[in-house]
Amino acid sequence: MTRRYGQTVALDNVSLNFPSGSFTSLLGPSGCGKTTMLRLIAGFEAPERGSVVFDGDTVADASRQMPPEKRGIGIVFQSYALWPHMDVAGNVAYPLATRGVAGKERDARVREVLSIVGLDGYQHRRIDELSGGQRQRVALARCLIANSRIILFDEPLANLDMHLRASMVEVFRDIHRRTGATMVYVTHDQAEALALSDRIAVMDGGRILQTAPPTDVYRSPACDKVAGFVGRGAILDGEIIGEHRGMAVVEIAGHRFEARCSGTPRNSVARILLRPEGLRLAETGMPARVVSSVYRGPVFEVVLALAGTQHDVVIDCVEAPAVGTDVRIAVCDAWVIPG
C-alpha cells in the first residue's frame, strides 16, 4: 500500500496483516507513516496504490472507498473527541442512538461497558467533571458499545501525565483480554508499545523495518535503526572470529565474547548491540573508564568509554563507581545485528 502527499511519500509499498484478536502497536518517530496507516484503515484516507482488506473484503483501493461509518471500527483519539454538552451516558450511547437503539436496552448496554472500563456510576457525570484518564475511558467505552471489530488508538495517552499513562496501559491490556477485539495502537512511546502489544511494527520513512513480538524487537532488532530506536544500548563494530554452539564469537577492544545471531554471520565485521542489562562490572573483560553517572531511582545509569575505541556503553549499577575510575566490563548478552 502506498500513500503520497504531493512529493512526500507517507507510506512506501507497505504490507501488514492484523490477525483477528491481535494487539499491534505501530511504533516510530514523528513522520514515519504510522498515523497515515491508521487513517487508511479507518477510511479517512484512500490508498494511492494497493488496498485495505477486512476479512477478505476490500474496503478501499485506488478506485473505491467504503466510508468510515460502515467499517465497524472504533477510534480512540488523543483529544478524546467527546461531546461536551452530553453527559457520560449520552456520549457512550451515541453509536446506539444513531442505530435507533433506545430505552432499557440502551441503558443496560451503557452500564455494561462503563463497568468494563471501570466507570460504574458515572452515567450522569458531565465531561468537564472528569479527569483526562476518565475521559479516555469514556471514549473507549463508546467504541466497545458499538461492538467495533477493530479499535484504533491514535496516541491516546499523549496528553496524560506519567501516572495516568501507567494506569491506562493496564486498562487497555485488561479490555483487550476481556473483549478479544483487534486493536491497532499508534505511538512513538516505546515503553507503551512494549507493555501493551503482542507484536510491534517499527516504522521509519514510510516503511516497516520489523514486525515481531515485543521481546524480539527489543532483544533481536532487525537493523541498526530498530536497535537505536527501541530501548537503550550501544551499537559497536565487532569482529566475528568464529562460531560456538550457534553463537557468534565476537571480538571488541581485544576482548572476546559470545553473541546471539540470526543464522551464520556472513561478514567478518558486524554491528553488535550491547544493552545495559547484558553488561556487568567484573575483574576481567573490556577495559573502560567511567565517564558519567545519573541516578535513575532503583539504579545508577553509568556511561563508560571503551578503551581503544570511540564508543561509549551504558550499564546499570546499584552503586556507581566514581567518575574517572578504570573498570572492566563483562558481556553477558549481546546481539549481532543482521546486515
Protein backbone atom coordinates (compact mmCIF):
# COMPACT_ATOMS: atom_id res chain seq x y z
CA MET A 1 0.00 0.00 0.00
CA THR A 2 1.31 3.43 -0.97
CA ARG A 3 0.17 6.92 0.02
CA ARG A 4 1.71 10.24 -1.04
CA TYR A 5 1.05 13.84 -0.10
CA GLY A 6 2.41 15.85 -3.01
CA GLN A 7 6.06 14.87 -3.31
CA THR A 8 6.14 13.35 0.17
CA VAL A 9 5.81 9.57 0.36
CA ALA A 10 3.98 8.85 3.63
CA LEU A 11 3.71 5.09 3.04
CA ASP A 12 6.01 3.36 0.60
CA ASN A 13 4.66 -0.01 -0.62
CA VAL A 14 3.77 -1.19 2.89
CA SER A 15 2.06 -4.53 3.56
CA LEU A 16 0.90 -5.51 7.04
CA ASN A 17 -1.59 -8.07 8.31
CA PHE A 18 -3.50 -7.66 11.58
CA PRO A 19 -4.67 -11.09 12.82
CA SER A 20 -8.08 -11.23 14.46
CA GLY A 21 -7.81 -10.52 18.18
CA SER A 22 -4.25 -9.21 17.96
CA PHE A 23 -2.90 -6.08 19.65
CA THR A 24 -0.44 -4.41 17.28
CA SER A 25 1.50 -1.24 18.02
CA LEU A 26 2.72 0.95 15.16
CA LEU A 27 5.89 2.43 16.63
CA GLY A 28 8.15 5.06 15.17
CA PRO A 29 9.26 8.69 15.20
CA SER A 30 7.07 11.57 14.03
CA GLY A 31 6.56 11.48 10.26
CA CYS A 32 7.29 7.76 9.88
CA GLY A 33 3.85 6.98 8.43
CA LYS A 34 2.12 5.30 11.37
CA THR A 35 -0.78 7.79 11.59
CA THR A 36 -1.26 7.63 7.83
CA MET A 37 -1.65 3.87 8.08
CA LEU A 38 -4.21 4.30 10.86
CA ARG A 39 -6.17 6.78 8.74
CA LEU A 40 -6.17 4.37 5.80
CA ILE A 41 -7.56 1.59 8.00
CA ALA A 42 -10.19 3.95 9.41
CA GLY A 43 -11.25 5.23 6.00
CA PHE A 44 -10.18 8.85 6.44
CA GLU A 45 -7.65 8.43 3.62
CA ALA A 46 -7.57 6.33 0.44
CA PRO A 47 -4.52 4.39 -0.78
CA GLU A 48 -2.83 5.60 -3.94
CA ARG A 49 -1.80 2.03 -4.71
CA GLY A 50 -2.76 -1.20 -3.02
CA SER A 51 -5.85 -1.96 -0.96
CA VAL A 52 -7.31 -2.24 2.54
CA VAL A 53 -8.97 -5.61 3.15
CA PHE A 54 -11.17 -6.69 6.08
CA ASP A 55 -11.77 -10.45 6.39
CA GLY A 56 -11.27 -10.92 2.65
CA ASP A 57 -13.46 -7.98 1.65
CA THR A 58 -11.80 -4.97 0.01
CA VAL A 59 -12.96 -1.80 1.74
CA ALA A 60 -10.63 0.59 -0.08
CA ASP A 61 -8.34 0.76 -3.08
CA ALA A 62 -7.32 3.41 -5.60
CA SER A 63 -10.80 3.40 -7.22
CA ARG A 64 -13.28 2.91 -4.36
CA GLN A 65 -13.64 3.73 -0.71
CA MET A 66 -16.03 2.38 1.92
CA PRO A 67 -16.95 5.23 4.30
CA PRO A 68 -15.61 5.05 7.89
CA GLU A 69 -19.05 4.60 9.49
CA LYS A 70 -19.63 1.37 7.57
CA ARG A 71 -16.34 -0.33 8.50
CA GLY A 72 -17.24 -1.41 12.04
CA ILE A 73 -14.29 0.46 13.50
CA GLY A 74 -13.91 2.34 16.77
CA ILE A 75 -11.32 5.08 17.20
CA VAL A 76 -9.85 6.45 20.43
CA PHE A 77 -8.24 9.82 19.72
CA GLN A 78 -5.57 11.71 21.62
CA SER A 79 -8.09 14.57 22.05
CA TYR A 80 -10.89 12.21 23.32
CA ALA A 81 -13.43 13.65 20.77
CA LEU A 82 -16.27 13.71 23.31
CA TRP A 83 -19.44 15.82 23.12
CA PRO A 84 -19.18 18.48 25.90
CA HIS A 85 -22.95 19.10 26.00
CA MET A 86 -23.70 15.42 26.72
CA ASP A 87 -23.13 13.55 29.96
CA VAL A 88 -21.11 10.32 30.11
CA ALA A 89 -24.10 8.13 29.24
CA GLY A 90 -25.01 10.33 26.27
CA ASN A 91 -21.50 10.15 24.86
CA VAL A 92 -21.21 6.40 25.33
CA ALA A 93 -24.69 5.70 23.94
CA TYR A 94 -24.25 7.88 20.85
CA PRO A 95 -23.46 4.98 18.47
CA LEU A 96 -26.60 3.19 19.68
CA ALA A 97 -28.71 6.34 19.21
CA THR A 98 -27.65 6.54 15.57
CA ARG A 99 -28.92 2.98 15.13
CA GLY A 100 -32.25 3.64 16.82
CA VAL A 101 -31.49 1.65 19.99
CA ALA A 102 -33.19 3.30 22.97
CA GLY A 103 -34.81 2.70 26.35
CA LYS A 104 -33.87 -0.12 28.69
CA GLU A 105 -31.67 -1.91 26.15
CA ARG A 106 -29.55 1.21 25.61
CA ASP A 107 -29.26 1.92 29.35
CA ALA A 108 -28.25 -1.66 30.09
CA ARG A 109 -25.56 -1.59 27.41
CA VAL A 110 -24.21 1.71 28.76
CA ARG A 111 -23.97 0.29 32.29
CA GLU A 112 -22.24 -2.82 30.95
CA VAL A 113 -19.48 -1.04 29.04
CA LEU A 114 -18.94 1.55 31.80
CA SER A 115 -18.37 -1.35 34.17
CA ILE A 116 -15.81 -2.83 31.77
CA VAL A 117 -13.79 0.42 31.68
CA GLY A 118 -14.09 0.98 35.44
CA LEU A 119 -16.62 3.84 35.41
CA ASP A 120 -19.58 2.30 37.27
CA GLY A 121 -21.98 5.00 38.40
CA TYR A 122 -20.58 7.72 36.14
CA GLN A 123 -23.53 7.81 33.73
CA HIS A 124 -24.71 11.30 34.70
CA ARG A 125 -21.32 12.97 35.13
CA ARG A 126 -20.52 15.92 32.90
CA ILE A 127 -17.48 15.56 30.66
CA ASP A 128 -15.83 18.63 32.22
CA GLU A 129 -16.07 16.92 35.61
CA LEU A 130 -13.83 14.05 34.52
CA SER A 131 -10.06 13.66 34.64
CA GLY A 132 -8.07 13.02 31.49
CA GLY A 133 -7.89 9.31 32.22
CA GLN A 134 -11.64 9.12 32.84
CA ARG A 135 -12.37 10.92 29.58
CA GLN A 136 -10.19 8.43 27.74
CA ARG A 137 -12.15 5.60 29.34
CA VAL A 138 -15.40 7.18 28.14
CA ALA A 139 -14.00 7.31 24.60
CA LEU A 140 -13.04 3.66 24.87
CA ALA A 141 -16.49 2.71 26.23
CA ARG A 142 -18.05 4.40 23.20
CA CYS A 143 -16.03 2.07 20.94
CA LEU A 144 -16.96 -1.01 22.94
CA ILE A 145 -20.70 -0.28 22.96
CA ALA A 146 -20.68 -0.21 19.17
CA ASN A 147 -19.22 -3.75 19.11
CA SER A 148 -16.39 -2.49 16.95
CA ARG A 149 -14.46 -5.37 15.42
CA ILE A 150 -11.36 -3.21 15.24
CA ILE A 151 -10.36 -0.48 17.71
CA LEU A 152 -7.78 2.08 16.58
CA PHE A 153 -5.79 4.15 19.07
CA ASP A 154 -4.15 7.37 17.85
CA GLU A 155 -1.57 8.20 20.56
CA PRO A 156 -4.36 8.14 23.18
CA LEU A 157 -2.12 8.69 26.22
CA ALA A 158 -0.04 11.58 24.91
CA ASN A 159 -1.96 14.20 26.93
CA LEU A 160 -1.85 12.29 30.23
CA ASP A 161 0.73 12.50 33.00
CA MET A 162 3.06 9.61 33.80
CA HIS A 163 0.90 8.02 36.50
CA LEU A 164 -2.30 8.23 34.44
CA ARG A 165 -0.49 6.74 31.44
CA ALA A 166 0.61 3.78 33.57
CA SER A 167 -2.92 3.15 34.83
CA MET A 168 -4.43 3.45 31.34
CA VAL A 169 -1.93 0.93 29.96
CA GLU A 170 -3.37 -1.57 32.42
CA VAL A 171 -6.92 -0.59 31.39
CA PHE A 172 -6.15 -1.20 27.70
CA ARG A 173 -4.47 -4.54 28.46
CA ASP A 174 -7.42 -5.69 30.55
CA ILE A 175 -10.00 -4.65 27.97
CA HIS A 176 -8.11 -6.43 25.22
CA ARG A 177 -8.10 -9.63 27.29
CA ARG A 178 -11.81 -9.31 28.10
CA THR A 179 -13.12 -8.36 24.66
CA GLY A 180 -10.73 -10.07 22.25
CA ALA A 181 -11.08 -7.10 19.88
CA THR A 182 -8.43 -6.48 17.23
CA MET A 183 -6.51 -3.41 18.36
CA VAL A 184 -4.09 -1.18 16.46
CA TYR A 185 -2.19 1.31 18.58
CA VAL A 186 -0.19 4.24 17.20
CA THR A 187 2.55 5.58 19.46
CA HIS A 188 6.07 7.00 19.48
CA ASP A 189 6.48 5.82 23.10
CA GLN A 190 8.38 2.54 23.07
CA ALA A 191 7.52 1.78 26.72
CA GLU A 192 3.81 1.82 25.86
CA ALA A 193 4.35 -0.36 22.80
CA LEU A 194 6.44 -2.91 24.69
CA ALA A 195 3.95 -3.11 27.58
CA LEU A 196 0.73 -3.28 25.54
CA SER A 197 1.30 -5.21 22.36
CA ASP A 198 1.56 -8.82 21.38
CA ARG A 199 3.52 -7.53 18.39
CA ILE A 200 5.13 -4.29 17.26
CA ALA A 201 5.61 -2.89 13.76
CA VAL A 202 8.55 -0.48 13.85
CA MET A 203 8.28 2.15 11.11
CA ASP A 204 10.61 4.72 9.60
CA GLY A 205 10.41 6.78 6.43
CA GLY A 206 7.11 5.25 5.33
CA ARG A 207 8.42 1.69 5.57
CA ILE A 208 8.12 -1.13 8.08
CA LEU A 209 11.53 -2.09 9.42
CA GLN A 210 10.45 -5.01 11.60
CA THR A 211 7.25 -6.67 12.76
CA ALA A 212 7.69 -9.04 15.68
CA PRO A 213 6.70 -9.71 19.30
CA PRO A 214 7.99 -7.04 21.74
CA THR A 215 10.69 -9.33 23.15
CA ASP A 216 12.10 -9.96 19.69
CA VAL A 217 12.03 -6.28 18.70
CA TYR A 218 13.92 -5.42 21.90
CA ARG A 219 16.36 -8.34 22.15
CA SER A 220 16.85 -9.13 18.45
CA PRO A 221 16.29 -5.98 16.36
CA ALA A 222 16.37 -6.48 12.61
CA CYS A 223 18.59 -3.49 11.79
CA ASP A 224 20.55 -0.57 13.25
CA LYS A 225 17.55 1.76 13.13
CA VAL A 226 15.35 -0.54 15.18
CA ALA A 227 18.20 -1.19 17.63
CA GLY A 228 18.79 2.52 18.05
CA PHE A 229 15.13 3.47 18.39
CA VAL A 230 13.92 0.76 20.77
CA GLY A 231 15.50 0.65 24.22
CA ARG A 232 18.85 1.83 25.46
CA GLY A 233 22.15 0.41 24.37
CA ALA A 234 25.28 0.83 22.30
CA ILE A 235 25.91 -0.38 18.75
CA LEU A 236 29.57 -1.21 18.21
CA ASP A 237 31.66 -2.56 15.37
CA GLY A 238 32.96 -6.00 16.23
CA GLU A 239 34.97 -8.72 14.51
CA ILE A 240 33.38 -12.14 14.02
CA ILE A 241 36.16 -14.65 14.62
CA GLY A 242 34.19 -17.87 14.88
CA GLU A 243 31.09 -19.71 15.96
CA HIS A 244 30.34 -21.79 19.05
CA ARG A 245 27.12 -23.73 19.68
CA GLY A 246 25.06 -21.49 17.44
CA MET A 247 26.54 -18.29 18.88
CA ALA A 248 28.91 -15.92 17.13
CA VAL A 249 32.30 -15.42 18.78
CA VAL A 250 32.93 -11.66 18.70
CA GLU A 251 36.00 -9.56 19.50
CA ILE A 252 35.74 -5.91 20.59
CA ALA A 253 38.59 -3.91 22.13
CA GLY A 254 40.68 -7.07 22.39
CA HIS A 255 38.01 -8.91 24.40
CA ARG A 256 36.18 -11.97 23.11
CA PHE A 257 32.66 -12.99 23.98
CA GLU A 258 29.70 -14.86 22.53
CA ALA A 259 26.76 -13.06 20.93
CA ARG A 260 23.35 -14.24 19.76
CA CYS A 261 22.90 -14.14 15.99
CA SER A 262 20.38 -14.92 13.28
CA GLY A 263 21.94 -17.72 11.28
CA THR A 264 25.60 -17.78 10.38
CA PRO A 265 27.15 -14.27 10.19
CA ARG A 266 28.07 -13.54 6.59
CA ASN A 267 30.76 -10.93 7.26
CA SER A 268 33.85 -10.83 9.42
CA VAL A 269 32.87 -7.36 10.64
CA ALA A 270 29.45 -6.89 12.20
CA ARG A 271 27.40 -4.45 14.23
CA ILE A 272 26.95 -5.62 17.80
CA LEU A 273 24.17 -4.43 20.13
CA LEU A 274 25.03 -4.21 23.83
CA ARG A 275 22.10 -3.50 26.17
CA PRO A 276 22.74 -2.24 29.73
CA GLU A 277 21.26 -5.38 31.30
CA GLY A 278 23.65 -7.52 29.23
CA LEU A 279 26.73 -5.91 30.79
CA ARG A 280 28.27 -6.02 34.28
CA LEU A 281 31.39 -4.80 36.02
CA ALA A 282 33.89 -7.63 36.51
CA GLU A 283 37.51 -8.50 37.20
CA THR A 284 38.10 -9.34 33.54
CA GLY A 285 36.56 -8.02 30.36
CA MET A 286 36.66 -4.97 28.11
CA PRO A 287 38.66 -2.11 29.63
CA ALA A 288 36.73 1.12 30.10
CA ARG A 289 36.66 4.36 32.07
CA VAL A 290 33.67 5.84 33.91
CA VAL A 291 32.52 9.00 32.11
CA SER A 292 29.35 9.92 33.99
CA SER A 293 26.67 8.60 36.32
CA VAL A 294 22.99 9.52 36.69
CA TYR A 295 20.71 8.22 39.43
CA ARG A 296 17.54 6.76 37.87
CA GLY A 297 15.77 5.62 41.03
CA PRO A 298 16.48 1.91 41.50
CA VAL A 299 19.87 2.08 39.75
CA PHE A 300 22.59 4.41 38.55
CA GLU A 301 22.89 4.75 34.78
CA VAL A 302 26.66 4.74 34.21
CA VAL A 303 28.30 5.76 30.93
CA LEU A 304 31.62 4.05 30.22
CA ALA A 305 34.16 4.90 27.50
CA LEU A 306 35.68 1.76 25.99
CA ALA A 307 39.46 1.88 25.88
CA GLY A 308 40.97 1.98 22.40
CA THR A 309 37.65 2.92 20.75
CA GLN A 310 35.49 5.97 20.17
CA HIS A 311 32.48 4.23 21.69
CA ASP A 312 30.60 4.57 24.96
CA VAL A 313 28.41 1.92 26.55
CA VAL A 314 25.77 2.22 29.25
CA ILE A 315 25.48 -0.05 32.26
CA ASP A 316 23.12 -0.05 35.25
CA CYS A 317 24.71 -0.29 38.70
CA VAL A 318 23.20 -0.39 42.18
CA GLU A 319 26.28 1.51 43.38
CA ALA A 320 28.03 3.74 40.86
CA PRO A 321 31.83 3.80 40.54
CA ALA A 322 33.42 7.23 40.71
CA VAL A 323 33.84 9.24 37.50
CA GLY A 324 37.32 8.63 36.07
CA THR A 325 37.63 5.14 37.52
CA ASP A 326 39.11 2.44 35.27
CA VAL A 327 36.94 -0.68 35.18
CA ARG A 328 36.38 -3.88 33.25
CA ILE A 329 33.11 -4.86 31.55
CA ALA A 330 31.94 -8.45 31.11
CA VAL A 331 29.40 -9.14 28.37
CA CYS A 332 26.59 -11.45 29.49
CA ASP A 333 24.35 -10.94 26.45
CA ALA A 334 24.84 -9.38 23.02
CA TRP A 335 23.17 -9.45 19.61
CA VAL A 336 24.72 -9.46 16.14
CA ILE A 337 22.52 -7.10 14.13
CA PRO A 338 21.69 -8.67 10.74
CA GLY A 339 23.16 -6.94 7.76
